[in-house]
Amino acid sequence: MYISALAILLHSCSSSHSPFGETVYLQPEAINNELVVDMIHSISANDHYFTFVHSKTCRFYVFDSLGNLQFTFGVKGKGPAEFQWPGGIFMTDSLTIIYDEVRKSVLQYTVDGKYKKEVVLKTGVSHSRFCFHRGYLYFHAMDEYPVKKVDMESGELFKGFGEFYPPYHTVKDRYFNNMSWYLHPYGESILAVNAQHAEVNIYNTDGILLRKLSFPELEKFFQILNEYSVSDLLYTPPERFALIHISDISIDRDKLFLLLTRSPEDPKQVQINTILVIDLKSGNINDTLKLPGRMYFGMAVRNGHCAVYNYSDAQCEFYRVPQKIYGQKD
């Protein structure tokens, strides 16, 4: 474990304003390299903990905001309270909700890792993207409605909602689509972010669209990405191919954080180290946060703290988000 002395300075080597706001270069407040794992697949947070998911071993690593490992849990197997491939996680202040991609079920744990119950779903959760809000699970489904709603007490499945984006086409037996959504509670509503389009939809809990945000400059950047996509290798017209351009999202204090799969400065090169910050009140992209490494998987932001997994250096990193991002002085 290493705690950086630079944490007290805030990392505010900033560039001039661009369509993506002011650029702020971050340095980690803490680094934890105790985990000897090849990959972290998902990260979630509540007011007390950040939990990192290692799907292959079915282990969950729980840290505080300073990067101190508090405890671990999770057992691989086919029995009750066991996992075969935990793909996604969502934490509240009282529950840890985990989706197992093989079992196609949702397992509920207390925040200290004690098993509560399992709910088997009638349909799979696409890319393990889901959220939990006031007793209901909202998840992304690859069918006529991108968002489904399940009562976690009774298991009842409700009619879905959201806008369907049809798949582009099939190339050499590989199926590509642009219908990939991240979901997150936002106050008393559900926020949905399309991973391929610069679009943010806010619904009430009954699926009625309350507000739609779009970002033309970000959409333009995504179109540039397609020009350098693997579609070139498959002899596919770039304009007909979509990459997943957003690899994770998080919400903290009316700010939406988007972790991008490419950097606006160099779209030809895959480098997952750029976080866009959107003010959900104004609908503007206010800031760009740059992480010091090259490849990050998983991101969670809570109470001004950010946790990510640095895949390039095989370590968990913890940052303090500058207060100016939230409109306050450091």
C-alpha atoms as a PDB file:
ATOM      1  CA  MET A   1       0.000   0.000   0.000  1.00  0.00           C
ATOM      2  CA  TYR A   2       1.326   3.441  -0.889  1.00  0.00           C
ATOM      3  CA  ILE A   3      -0.201   6.798  -0.050  1.00  0.00           C
ATOM      4  CA  SER A   4       0.942   9.620  -2.269  1.00  0.00           C
ATOM      5  CA  ALA A   5       2.149  12.848  -0.753  1.00  0.00           C
ATOM      6  CA  LEU A   6       0.843  14.581  -3.840  1.00  0.00           C
ATOM      7  CA  ALA A   7      -2.680  14.072  -2.560  1.00  0.00           C
ATOM      8  CA  ILE A   8      -2.590  17.379  -0.772  1.00  0.00           C
ATOM      9  CA  LEU A   9      -1.710  19.363  -3.896  1.00  0.00           C
ATOM     10  CA  LEU A  10      -4.505  18.916  -6.293  1.00  0.00           C
ATOM     11  CA  HIS A  11      -3.278  17.750  -9.522  1.00  0.00           C
ATOM     12  CA  SER A  12      -4.546  20.787 -11.332  1.00  0.00           C
ATOM     13  CA  CYS A  13      -2.224  21.003 -14.291  1.00  0.00           C
ATOM     14  CA  SER A  14      -5.023  22.240 -16.531  1.00  0.00           C
ATOM     15  CA  SER A  15      -5.333  22.886 -20.213  1.00  0.00           C
ATOM     16  CA  SER A  16      -7.477  25.523 -21.839  1.00  0.00           C
ATOM     17  CA  HIS A  17     -11.192  24.937 -22.231  1.00  0.00           C
ATOM     18  CA  SER A  18     -12.306  22.592 -24.989  1.00  0.00           C
ATOM     19  CA  PRO A  19     -15.717  21.193 -25.963  1.00  0.00           C
ATOM     20  CA  PHE A  20     -15.074  18.710 -23.138  1.00  0.00           C
ATOM     21  CA  GLY A  21     -14.386  21.364 -20.497  1.00  0.00           C
ATOM     22  CA  GLU A  22     -11.211  22.048 -18.568  1.00  0.00           C
ATOM     23  CA  THR A  23      -8.680  19.212 -18.344  1.00  0.00           C
ATOM     24  CA  VAL A  24      -7.527  18.263 -14.835  1.00  0.00           C
ATOM     25  CA  TYR A  25      -4.621  15.831 -14.418  1.00  0.00           C
ATOM     26  CA  LEU A  26      -5.027  13.585 -11.384  1.00  0.00           C
ATOM     27  CA  GLN A  27      -2.514  11.764  -9.220  1.00  0.00           C
ATOM     28  CA  PRO A  28      -3.601   8.929  -6.909  1.00  0.00           C
ATOM     29  CA  GLU A  29      -4.104   9.618  -3.236  1.00  0.00           C
ATOM     30  CA  ALA A  30      -3.546   5.930  -2.530  1.00  0.00           C
ATOM     31  CA  ILE A  31      -2.430   2.818  -4.420  1.00  0.00           C
ATOM     32  CA  ASN A  32      -3.081  -0.756  -3.336  1.00  0.00           C
ATOM     33  CA  ASN A  33      -1.199  -3.527  -5.106  1.00  0.00           C
ATOM     34  CA  GLU A  34      -2.005  -6.290  -2.617  1.00  0.00           C
ATOM     35  CA  LEU A  35      -4.372  -8.041  -5.043  1.00  0.00           C
ATOM     36  CA  VAL A  36      -2.607 -10.622  -7.149  1.00  0.00           C
ATOM     37  CA  VAL A  37      -5.244 -10.808  -9.878  1.00  0.00           C
ATOM     38  CA  ASP A  38      -5.179 -10.492 -13.638  1.00  0.00           C
ATOM     39  CA  MET A  39      -8.268  -8.335 -14.014  1.00  0.00           C
ATOM     40  CA  ILE A  40     -10.927  -6.478 -12.045  1.00  0.00           C
ATOM     41  CA  HIS A  41     -14.272  -6.611 -13.871  1.00  0.00           C
ATOM     42  CA  SER A  42     -16.453  -4.193 -11.945  1.00  0.00           C
ATOM     43  CA  ILE A  43     -16.354  -1.637  -9.110  1.00  0.00           C
ATOM     44  CA  SER A  44     -19.175  -0.211  -7.002  1.00  0.00           C
ATOM     45  CA  ALA A  45     -19.363   2.083  -3.973  1.00  0.00           C
ATOM     46  CA  ASN A  46     -21.562   3.235  -1.123  1.00  0.00           C
ATOM     47  CA  ASP A  47     -20.876   5.848   1.570  1.00  0.00           C
ATOM     48  CA  HIS A  48     -18.412   3.551   3.348  1.00  0.00           C
ATOM     49  CA  TYR A  49     -16.801   1.131   0.909  1.00  0.00           C
ATOM     50  CA  PHE A  50     -15.509   0.531  -2.609  1.00  0.00           C
ATOM     51  CA  THR A  51     -15.917  -3.085  -3.757  1.00  0.00           C
ATOM     52  CA  PHE A  52     -13.823  -4.574  -6.577  1.00  0.00           C
ATOM     53  CA  VAL A  53     -15.072  -7.717  -8.377  1.00  0.00           C
ATOM     54  CA  HIS A  54     -12.743 -10.423  -9.705  1.00  0.00           C
ATOM     55  CA  SER A  55     -15.053 -12.595 -11.797  1.00  0.00           C
ATOM     56  CA  LYS A  56     -12.675 -15.476 -12.482  1.00  0.00           C
ATOM     57  CA  THR A  57     -12.126 -16.332  -8.795  1.00  0.00           C
ATOM     58  CA  CYS A  58     -15.555 -15.045  -7.660  1.00  0.00           C
ATOM     59  CA  ARG A  59     -13.895 -12.901  -5.003  1.00  0.00           C
ATOM     60  CA  PHE A  60     -14.989  -9.457  -3.838  1.00  0.00           C
ATOM     61  CA  TYR A  61     -12.426  -7.067  -2.360  1.00  0.00           C
ATOM     62  CA  VAL A  62     -13.780  -4.323  -0.120  1.00  0.00           C
ATOM     63  CA  PHE A  63     -11.730  -1.153   0.484  1.00  0.00           C
ATOM     64  CA  ASP A  64     -12.222   2.112   2.311  1.00  0.00           C
ATOM     65  CA  SER A  65     -11.785   5.377   0.387  1.00  0.00           C
ATOM     66  CA  LEU A  66      -8.081   5.527   1.331  1.00  0.00           C
ATOM     67  CA  GLY A  67      -7.329   2.203  -0.307  1.00  0.00           C
ATOM     68  CA  ASN A  68      -7.145   0.067   2.840  1.00  0.00           C
ATOM     69  CA  LEU A  69      -8.433  -3.465   2.268  1.00  0.00           C
ATOM     70  CA  GLN A  70     -11.184  -4.055   4.844  1.00  0.00           C
ATOM     71  CA  PHE A  71     -12.352  -7.592   4.033  1.00  0.00           C
ATOM     72  CA  THR A  72     -13.071 -10.022   1.194  1.00  0.00           C
ATOM     73  CA  PHE A  73     -15.906 -12.444   0.482  1.00  0.00           C
ATOM     74  CA  GLY A  74     -17.234 -14.716  -2.261  1.00  0.00           C
ATOM     75  CA  VAL A  75     -16.931 -18.443  -3.004  1.00  0.00           C
ATOM     76  CA  LYS A  76     -16.821 -20.158  -6.381  1.00  0.00           C
ATOM     77  CA  GLY A  77     -19.335 -22.981  -6.780  1.00  0.00           C
ATOM     78  CA  LYS A  78     -22.880 -23.982  -7.696  1.00  0.00           C
ATOM     79  CA  GLY A  79     -24.445 -24.019  -4.255  1.00  0.00           C
ATOM     80  CA  PRO A  80     -26.440 -21.342  -2.391  1.00  0.00           C
ATOM     81  CA  ALA A  81     -24.522 -18.080  -1.860  1.00  0.00           C
ATOM     82  CA  GLU A  82     -21.876 -19.256  -4.340  1.00  0.00           C
ATOM     83  CA  PHE A  83     -20.892 -17.781  -7.713  1.00  0.00           C
ATOM     84  CA  GLN A  84     -19.932 -19.090 -11.126  1.00  0.00           C
ATOM     85  CA  TRP A  85     -19.185 -15.781 -12.862  1.00  0.00           C
ATOM     86  CA  PRO A  86     -20.147 -12.582 -10.997  1.00  0.00           C
ATOM     87  CA  GLY A  87     -20.186  -9.976 -13.731  1.00  0.00           C
ATOM     88  CA  GLY A  88     -21.678  -6.898 -12.117  1.00  0.00           C
ATOM     89  CA  ILE A  89     -22.214  -5.305  -8.724  1.00  0.00           C
ATOM     90  CA  PHE A  90     -24.265  -2.458  -7.267  1.00  0.00           C
ATOM     91  CA  MET A  91     -24.002  -1.216  -3.680  1.00  0.00           C
ATOM     92  CA  THR A  92     -26.443   0.683  -1.494  1.00  0.00           C
ATOM     93  CA  ASP A  93     -25.841   1.699   2.111  1.00  0.00           C
ATOM     94  CA  SER A  94     -27.418  -1.547   3.326  1.00  0.00           C
ATOM     95  CA  LEU A  95     -27.087  -4.025   0.439  1.00  0.00           C
ATOM     96  CA  THR A  96     -24.597  -5.397  -2.051  1.00  0.00           C
ATOM     97  CA  ILE A  97     -26.373  -6.655  -5.200  1.00  0.00           C
ATOM     98  CA  ILE A  98     -24.426  -9.016  -7.483  1.00  0.00           C
ATOM     99  CA  TYR A  99     -25.409 -10.516 -10.845  1.00  0.00           C
ATOM    100  CA  ASP A 100     -24.043 -13.938 -11.804  1.00  0.00           C
ATOM    101  CA  GLU A 101     -23.857 -14.264 -15.594  1.00  0.00           C
ATOM    102  CA  VAL A 102     -23.835 -18.076 -15.601  1.00  0.00           C
ATOM    103  CA  ARG A 103     -26.630 -18.606 -13.064  1.00  0.00           C
ATOM    104  CA  LYS A 104     -28.622 -15.674 -14.535  1.00  0.00           C
ATOM    105  CA  SER A 105     -29.565 -14.694 -11.022  1.00  0.00           C
ATOM    106  CA  VAL A 106     -29.135 -11.784  -8.647  1.00  0.00           C
ATOM    107  CA  LEU A 107     -27.668 -12.454  -5.208  1.00  0.00           C
ATOM    108  CA  GLN A 108     -28.197 -10.063  -2.316  1.00  0.00           C
ATOM    109  CA  TYR A 109     -25.625  -9.623   0.437  1.00  0.00           C
ATOM    110  CA  THR A 110     -25.322  -7.256   3.357  1.00  0.00           C
ATOM    111  CA  VAL A 111     -22.613  -4.616   2.955  1.00  0.00           C
ATOM    112  CA  ASP A 112     -20.355  -6.665   5.243  1.00  0.00           C
ATOM    113  CA  GLY A 113     -20.555  -9.692   2.916  1.00  0.00           C
ATOM    114  CA  LYS A 114     -23.251 -11.849   4.542  1.00  0.00           C
ATOM    115  CA  TYR A 115     -25.596 -13.716   2.181  1.00  0.00           C
ATOM    116  CA  LYS A 116     -29.315 -12.796   2.219  1.00  0.00           C
ATOM    117  CA  LYS A 117     -31.165 -14.208  -0.802  1.00  0.00           C
ATOM    118  CA  GLU A 118     -31.090 -15.057  -4.505  1.00  0.00           C
ATOM    119  CA  VAL A 119     -33.560 -14.021  -7.220  1.00  0.00           C
ATOM    120  CA  VAL A 120     -33.476 -15.950 -10.511  1.00  0.00           C
ATOM    121  CA  LEU A 121     -34.289 -13.738 -13.507  1.00  0.00           C
ATOM    122  CA  LYS A 122     -36.411 -14.833 -16.457  1.00  0.00           C
ATOM    123  CA  THR A 123     -34.137 -12.978 -18.847  1.00  0.00           C
ATOM    124  CA  GLY A 124     -30.417 -12.267 -18.821  1.00  0.00           C
ATOM    125  CA  VAL A 125     -28.758  -8.987 -17.883  1.00  0.00           C
ATOM    126  CA  SER A 126     -26.781  -7.706 -20.862  1.00  0.00           C
ATOM    127  CA  HIS A 127     -23.138  -6.989 -19.979  1.00  0.00           C
ATOM    128  CA  SER A 128     -24.132  -7.182 -16.272  1.00  0.00           C
ATOM    129  CA  ARG A 129     -25.349  -3.572 -16.389  1.00  0.00           C
ATOM    130  CA  PHE A 130     -27.957  -2.869 -13.763  1.00  0.00           C
ATOM    131  CA  CYS A 131     -28.825  -0.738 -10.754  1.00  0.00           C
ATOM    132  CA  PHE A 132     -30.979  -1.123  -7.645  1.00  0.00           C
ATOM    133  CA  HIS A 133     -33.408   1.489  -6.339  1.00  0.00           C
ATOM    134  CA  ARG A 134     -36.030   1.226  -3.581  1.00  0.00           C
ATOM    135  CA  GLY A 135     -36.571  -2.516  -3.845  1.00  0.00           C
ATOM    136  CA  TYR A 136     -36.443  -2.779  -7.643  1.00  0.00           C
ATOM    137  CA  LEU A 137     -33.711  -3.980  -9.961  1.00  0.00           C
ATOM    138  CA  TYR A 138     -33.381  -2.034 -13.233  1.00  0.00           C
ATOM    139  CA  PHE A 139     -31.243  -3.772 -15.835  1.00  0.00           C
ATOM    140  CA  HIS A 140     -30.242  -3.584 -19.476  1.00  0.00           C
ATOM    141  CA  ALA A 141     -31.817  -6.283 -21.643  1.00  0.00           C
ATOM    142  CA  MET A 142     -31.075  -7.054 -25.296  1.00  0.00           C
ATOM    143  CA  ASP A 143     -34.636  -7.169 -26.545  1.00  0.00           C
ATOM    144  CA  GLU A 144     -37.466  -4.842 -27.527  1.00  0.00           C
ATOM    145  CA  TYR A 145     -36.937  -2.679 -24.425  1.00  0.00           C
ATOM    146  CA  PRO A 146     -33.418  -1.870 -23.255  1.00  0.00           C
ATOM    147  CA  VAL A 147     -34.452  -1.364 -19.606  1.00  0.00           C
ATOM    148  CA  LYS A 148     -36.298  -3.986 -17.540  1.00  0.00           C
ATOM    149  CA  LYS A 149     -37.633  -3.673 -13.978  1.00  0.00           C
ATOM    150  CA  VAL A 150     -37.902  -6.485 -11.416  1.00  0.00           C
ATOM    151  CA  ASP A 151     -39.416  -6.477  -7.922  1.00  0.00           C
ATOM    152  CA  MET A 152     -36.597  -7.982  -5.854  1.00  0.00           C
ATOM    153  CA  GLU A 153     -38.973  -9.193  -3.169  1.00  0.00           C
ATOM    154  CA  SER A 154     -41.457 -11.083  -5.348  1.00  0.00           C
ATOM    155  CA  GLY A 155     -39.378 -11.576  -8.503  1.00  0.00           C
ATOM    156  CA  GLU A 156     -42.153 -10.015 -10.615  1.00  0.00           C
ATOM    157  CA  LEU A 157     -40.925  -8.701 -13.982  1.00  0.00           C
ATOM    158  CA  PHE A 158     -42.515  -5.463 -15.200  1.00  0.00           C
ATOM    159  CA  LYS A 159     -42.900  -4.171 -18.740  1.00  0.00           C
ATOM    160  CA  GLY A 160     -39.681  -2.618 -20.009  1.00  0.00           C
ATOM    161  CA  PHE A 161     -39.052   0.902 -21.160  1.00  0.00           C
ATOM    162  CA  GLY A 162     -36.535   3.005 -23.059  1.00  0.00           C
ATOM    163  CA  GLU A 163     -35.610   3.577 -26.693  1.00  0.00           C
ATOM    164  CA  PHE A 164     -34.476   0.628 -28.769  1.00  0.00           C
ATOM    165  CA  TYR A 165     -31.467   1.000 -31.064  1.00  0.00           C
ATOM    166  CA  PRO A 166     -31.541  -1.777 -33.670  1.00  0.00           C
ATOM    167  CA  PRO A 167     -28.360  -3.741 -34.340  1.00  0.00           C
ATOM    168  CA  TYR A 168     -26.225  -2.612 -37.236  1.00  0.00           C
ATOM    169  CA  HIS A 169     -25.645  -5.992 -38.862  1.00  0.00           C
ATOM    170  CA  THR A 170     -23.695  -9.245 -38.678  1.00  0.00           C
ATOM    171  CA  VAL A 171     -20.127  -9.398 -39.979  1.00  0.00           C
ATOM    172  CA  LYS A 172     -18.443 -12.790 -40.534  1.00  0.00           C
ATOM    173  CA  ASP A 173     -20.661 -14.499 -37.940  1.00  0.00           C
ATOM    174  CA  ARG A 174     -19.909 -11.830 -35.366  1.00  0.00           C
ATOM    175  CA  TYR A 175     -22.904  -9.884 -34.108  1.00  0.00           C
ATOM    176  CA  PHE A 176     -22.369  -6.183 -33.456  1.00  0.00           C
ATOM    177  CA  ASN A 177     -24.906  -3.794 -32.034  1.00  0.00           C
ATOM    178  CA  ASN A 178     -25.143  -0.283 -30.668  1.00  0.00           C
ATOM    179  CA  MET A 179     -27.655  -1.042 -27.958  1.00  0.00           C
ATOM    180  CA  SER A 180     -25.679  -0.882 -24.754  1.00  0.00           C
ATOM    181  CA  TRP A 181     -26.904   1.051 -21.718  1.00  0.00           C
ATOM    182  CA  TYR A 182     -25.512   1.894 -18.297  1.00  0.00           C
ATOM    183  CA  LEU A 183     -28.049   2.513 -15.543  1.00  0.00           C
ATOM    184  CA  HIS A 184     -27.812   4.427 -12.269  1.00  0.00           C
ATOM    185  CA  PRO A 185     -30.276   5.905  -9.753  1.00  0.00           C
ATOM    186  CA  TYR A 186     -30.378   9.685  -9.798  1.00  0.00           C
ATOM    187  CA  GLY A 187     -32.475  11.083  -6.951  1.00  0.00           C
ATOM    188  CA  GLU A 188     -35.891   9.479  -7.391  1.00  0.00           C
ATOM    189  CA  SER A 189     -35.295   8.741 -11.072  1.00  0.00           C
ATOM    190  CA  ILE A 190     -33.311   6.279 -13.187  1.00  0.00           C
ATOM    191  CA  LEU A 191     -30.568   7.579 -15.449  1.00  0.00           C
ATOM    192  CA  ALA A 192     -29.642   5.623 -18.596  1.00  0.00           C
ATOM    193  CA  VAL A 193     -26.470   6.304 -20.612  1.00  0.00           C
ATOM    194  CA  ASN A 194     -26.018   4.798 -24.071  1.00  0.00           C
ATOM    195  CA  ALA A 195     -22.452   3.543 -24.371  1.00  0.00           C
ATOM    196  CA  GLN A 196     -22.187   4.209 -28.120  1.00  0.00           C
ATOM    197  CA  HIS A 197     -24.187   7.417 -28.444  1.00  0.00           C
ATOM    198  CA  ALA A 198     -23.717  10.742 -26.696  1.00  0.00           C
ATOM    199  CA  GLU A 199     -27.105  10.413 -25.071  1.00  0.00           C
ATOM    200  CA  VAL A 200     -28.325  10.478 -21.469  1.00  0.00           C
ATOM    201  CA  ASN A 201     -31.969   9.723 -20.667  1.00  0.00           C
ATOM    202  CA  ILE A 202     -33.591  10.309 -17.282  1.00  0.00           C
ATOM    203  CA  TYR A 203     -36.757   8.326 -16.506  1.00  0.00           C
ATOM    204  CA  ASN A 204     -39.096   8.179 -13.574  1.00  0.00           C
ATOM    205  CA  THR A 205     -39.404   4.774 -11.921  1.00  0.00           C
ATOM    206  CA  ASP A 206     -42.413   3.923 -14.124  1.00  0.00           C
ATOM    207  CA  GLY A 207     -40.353   4.394 -17.284  1.00  0.00           C
ATOM    208  CA  ILE A 208     -41.665   7.807 -18.362  1.00  0.00           C
ATOM    209  CA  LEU A 209     -38.953   9.910 -19.976  1.00  0.00           C
ATOM    210  CA  LEU A 210     -38.405  13.069 -17.919  1.00  0.00           C
ATOM    211  CA  ARG A 211     -35.389  14.529 -19.651  1.00  0.00           C
ATOM    212  CA  LYS A 212     -33.008  13.794 -22.511  1.00  0.00           C
ATOM    213  CA  LEU A 213     -29.454  15.150 -22.715  1.00  0.00           C
ATOM    214  CA  SER A 214     -27.341  15.008 -25.869  1.00  0.00           C
ATOM    215  CA  PHE A 215     -23.812  16.183 -26.593  1.00  0.00           C
ATOM    216  CA  PRO A 216     -23.055  16.910 -30.278  1.00  0.00           C
ATOM    217  CA  GLU A 217     -19.308  17.337 -29.731  1.00  0.00           C
ATOM    218  CA  LEU A 218     -19.075  13.999 -27.962  1.00  0.00           C
ATOM    219  CA  GLU A 219     -21.137  12.320 -30.681  1.00  0.00           C
ATOM    220  CA  LYS A 220     -18.738  13.786 -33.239  1.00  0.00           C
ATOM    221  CA  PHE A 221     -15.815  12.308 -31.301  1.00  0.00           C
ATOM    222  CA  PHE A 222     -17.511   8.910 -31.243  1.00  0.00           C
ATOM    223  CA  GLN A 223     -17.893   9.075 -35.031  1.00  0.00           C
ATOM    224  CA  ILE A 224     -14.164   9.750 -35.328  1.00  0.00           C
ATOM    225  CA  LEU A 225     -13.512   6.647 -33.245  1.00  0.00           C
ATOM    226  CA  ASN A 226     -15.426   4.534 -35.700  1.00  0.00           C
ATOM    227  CA  GLU A 227     -13.024   5.552 -38.466  1.00  0.00           C
ATOM    228  CA  TYR A 228     -10.232   3.800 -36.563  1.00  0.00           C
ATOM    229  CA  SER A 229     -12.256   0.842 -35.286  1.00  0.00           C
ATOM    230  CA  VAL A 230     -11.615  -2.803 -35.965  1.00  0.00           C
ATOM    231  CA  SER A 231     -14.179  -2.485 -38.709  1.00  0.00           C
ATOM    232  CA  ASP A 232     -11.221  -1.723 -40.972  1.00  0.00           C
ATOM    233  CA  LEU A 233      -9.920  -5.215 -40.282  1.00  0.00           C
ATOM    234  CA  LEU A 234     -13.288  -6.726 -41.150  1.00  0.00           C
ATOM    235  CA  TYR A 235     -13.727  -4.692 -44.341  1.00  0.00           C
ATOM    236  CA  THR A 236     -16.806  -3.079 -42.857  1.00  0.00           C
ATOM    237  CA  PRO A 237     -17.771   0.516 -43.675  1.00  0.00           C
ATOM    238  CA  PRO A 238     -16.761   2.499 -40.559  1.00  0.00           C
ATOM    239  CA  GLU A 239     -20.016   4.441 -40.438  1.00  0.00           C
ATOM    240  CA  ARG A 240     -21.877   1.132 -39.984  1.00  0.00           C
ATOM    241  CA  PHE A 241     -19.820  -0.100 -37.064  1.00  0.00           C
ATOM    242  CA  ALA A 242     -20.109   0.930 -33.419  1.00  0.00           C
ATOM    243  CA  LEU A 243     -17.596   0.458 -30.636  1.00  0.00           C
ATOM    244  CA  ILE A 244     -18.457   0.722 -26.964  1.00  0.00           C
ATOM    245  CA  HIS A 245     -17.098   4.185 -26.304  1.00  0.00           C
ATOM    246  CA  ILE A 246     -18.083   4.488 -22.645  1.00  0.00           C
ATOM    247  CA  SER A 247     -16.669   1.729 -20.459  1.00  0.00           C
ATOM    248  CA  ASP A 248     -18.204   2.775 -17.115  1.00  0.00           C
ATOM    249  CA  ILE A 249     -20.287   5.453 -15.424  1.00  0.00           C
ATOM    250  CA  SER A 250     -20.812   6.803 -11.922  1.00  0.00           C
ATOM    251  CA  ILE A 251     -22.903   9.575 -10.310  1.00  0.00           C
ATOM    252  CA  ASP A 252     -21.830  11.737  -7.386  1.00  0.00           C
ATOM    253  CA  ARG A 253     -23.421  15.024  -6.217  1.00  0.00           C
ATOM    254  CA  ASP A 254     -25.302  15.846  -9.440  1.00  0.00           C
ATOM    255  CA  LYS A 255     -22.217  15.012 -11.519  1.00  0.00           C
ATOM    256  CA  LEU A 256     -22.143  12.210 -14.063  1.00  0.00           C
ATOM    257  CA  PHE A 257     -18.708  10.640 -14.616  1.00  0.00           C
ATOM    258  CA  LEU A 258     -18.061   8.805 -17.915  1.00  0.00           C
ATOM    259  CA  LEU A 259     -14.953   6.644 -18.368  1.00  0.00           C
ATOM    260  CA  LEU A 260     -14.094   6.650 -22.100  1.00  0.00           C
ATOM    261  CA  THR A 261     -12.391   3.872 -24.061  1.00  0.00           C
ATOM    262  CA  ARG A 262     -10.376   6.379 -26.085  1.00  0.00           C
ATOM    263  CA  SER A 263      -8.771   9.751 -25.441  1.00  0.00           C
ATOM    264  CA  PRO A 264      -9.965  12.797 -27.447  1.00  0.00           C
ATOM    265  CA  GLU A 265      -6.301  13.802 -27.937  1.00  0.00           C
ATOM    266  CA  ASP A 266      -5.413  10.555 -29.723  1.00  0.00           C
ATOM    267  CA  PRO A 267      -8.491   8.616 -30.896  1.00  0.00           C
ATOM    268  CA  LYS A 268      -6.449   6.114 -32.932  1.00  0.00           C
ATOM    269  CA  GLN A 269      -4.955   4.580 -29.798  1.00  0.00           C
ATOM    270  CA  VAL A 270      -6.957   2.624 -27.227  1.00  0.00           C
ATOM    271  CA  GLN A 271      -6.208   4.191 -23.844  1.00  0.00           C
ATOM    272  CA  ILE A 272      -8.850   4.024 -21.148  1.00  0.00           C
ATOM    273  CA  ASN A 273      -7.777   6.914 -18.935  1.00  0.00           C
ATOM    274  CA  THR A 274     -10.148   9.796 -19.685  1.00  0.00           C
ATOM    275  CA  ILE A 275     -13.157  10.662 -17.495  1.00  0.00           C
ATOM    276  CA  LEU A 276     -15.679  13.239 -18.672  1.00  0.00           C
ATOM    277  CA  VAL A 277     -17.651  15.086 -15.985  1.00  0.00           C
ATOM    278  CA  ILE A 278     -21.192  16.188 -16.876  1.00  0.00           C
ATOM    279  CA  ASP A 279     -23.183  18.573 -14.713  1.00  0.00           C
ATOM    280  CA  LEU A 280     -26.645  16.976 -14.652  1.00  0.00           C
ATOM    281  CA  LYS A 281     -28.326  20.228 -13.619  1.00  0.00           C
ATOM    282  CA  SER A 282     -27.044  22.278 -16.546  1.00  0.00           C
ATOM    283  CA  GLY A 283     -26.485  19.378 -18.962  1.00  0.00           C
ATOM    284  CA  ASN A 284     -22.960  20.619 -19.790  1.00  0.00           C
ATOM    285  CA  ILE A 285     -19.678  18.724 -19.995  1.00  0.00           C
ATOM    286  CA  ASN A 286     -17.703  20.834 -17.523  1.00  0.00           C
ATOM    287  CA  ASP A 287     -14.433  18.961 -17.015  1.00  0.00           C
ATOM    288  CA  THR A 288     -12.147  16.213 -18.292  1.00  0.00           C
ATOM    289  CA  LEU A 289     -10.199  14.196 -15.717  1.00  0.00           C
ATOM    290  CA  LYS A 290      -7.014  12.478 -16.909  1.00  0.00           C
ATOM    291  CA  LEU A 291      -5.668   9.454 -15.049  1.00  0.00           C
ATOM    292  CA  PRO A 292      -1.876   8.905 -15.120  1.00  0.00           C
ATOM    293  CA  GLY A 293      -1.923   5.295 -16.393  1.00  0.00           C
ATOM    294  CA  ARG A 294      -2.987   3.997 -19.796  1.00  0.00           C
ATOM    295  CA  MET A 295      -5.623   1.297 -19.245  1.00  0.00           C
ATOM    296  CA  TYR A 296      -8.286   1.343 -16.517  1.00  0.00           C
ATOM    297  CA  PHE A 297     -11.217  -1.026 -16.020  1.00  0.00           C
ATOM    298  CA  GLY A 298     -14.016  -0.175 -13.625  1.00  0.00           C
ATOM    299  CA  MET A 299     -14.734   3.152 -11.944  1.00  0.00           C
ATOM    300  CA  ALA A 300     -16.814   4.307  -8.989  1.00  0.00           C
ATOM    301  CA  VAL A 301     -17.115   7.821  -7.544  1.00  0.00           C
ATOM    302  CA  ARG A 302     -18.665   8.530  -4.146  1.00  0.00           C
ATOM    303  CA  ASN A 303     -18.472  11.497  -1.758  1.00  0.00           C
ATOM    304  CA  GLY A 304     -15.631  13.116  -3.684  1.00  0.00           C
ATOM    305  CA  HIS A 305     -13.541   9.922  -3.847  1.00  0.00           C
ATOM    306  CA  CYS A 306     -12.867   7.896  -6.999  1.00  0.00           C
ATOM    307  CA  ALA A 307     -11.694   4.277  -7.237  1.00  0.00           C
ATOM    308  CA  VAL A 308     -10.398   2.655 -10.443  1.00  0.00           C
ATOM    309  CA  TYR A 309      -8.454  -0.454 -11.395  1.00  0.00           C
ATOM    310  CA  ASN A 310      -5.224   0.207 -13.281  1.00  0.00           C
ATOM    311  CA  TYR A 311      -4.988  -2.802 -15.595  1.00  0.00           C
ATOM    312  CA  SER A 312      -1.606  -1.778 -17.040  1.00  0.00           C
ATOM    313  CA  ASP A 313       0.080  -1.765 -13.627  1.00  0.00           C
ATOM    314  CA  ALA A 314      -2.197  -4.334 -11.918  1.00  0.00           C
ATOM    315  CA  GLN A 315      -3.165  -2.125  -9.000  1.00  0.00           C
ATOM    316  CA  CYS A 316      -6.198  -0.510  -7.383  1.00  0.00           C
ATOM    317  CA  GLU A 317      -5.985   3.290  -7.350  1.00  0.00           C
ATOM    318  CA  PHE A 318      -7.878   5.792  -5.212  1.00  0.00           C
ATOM    319  CA  TYR A 319      -8.264   9.488  -5.998  1.00  0.00           C
ATOM    320  CA  ARG A 320      -9.735  12.527  -4.344  1.00  0.00           C
ATOM    321  CA  VAL A 321     -11.824  14.424  -6.897  1.00  0.00           C
ATOM    322  CA  PRO A 322     -10.990  18.157  -6.898  1.00  0.00           C
ATOM    323  CA  GLN A 323     -13.651  20.180  -5.088  1.00  0.00           C
ATOM    324  CA  LYS A 324     -13.754  22.600  -8.003  1.00  0.00           C
ATOM    325  CA  ILE A 325     -15.337  19.807 -10.041  1.00  0.00           C
ATOM    326  CA  TYR A 326     -18.282  20.137  -7.674  1.00  0.00           C
ATOM    327  CA  GLY A 327     -18.240  23.951  -7.838  1.00  0.00           C
ATOM    328  CA  GLN A 328     -16.428  24.361  -4.504  1.00  0.00           C
ATOM    329  CA  LYS A 329     -12.993  25.590  -3.472  1.00  0.00           C
ATOM    330  CA  ASP A 330     -10.303  23.039  -2.546  1.00  0.00           C
END
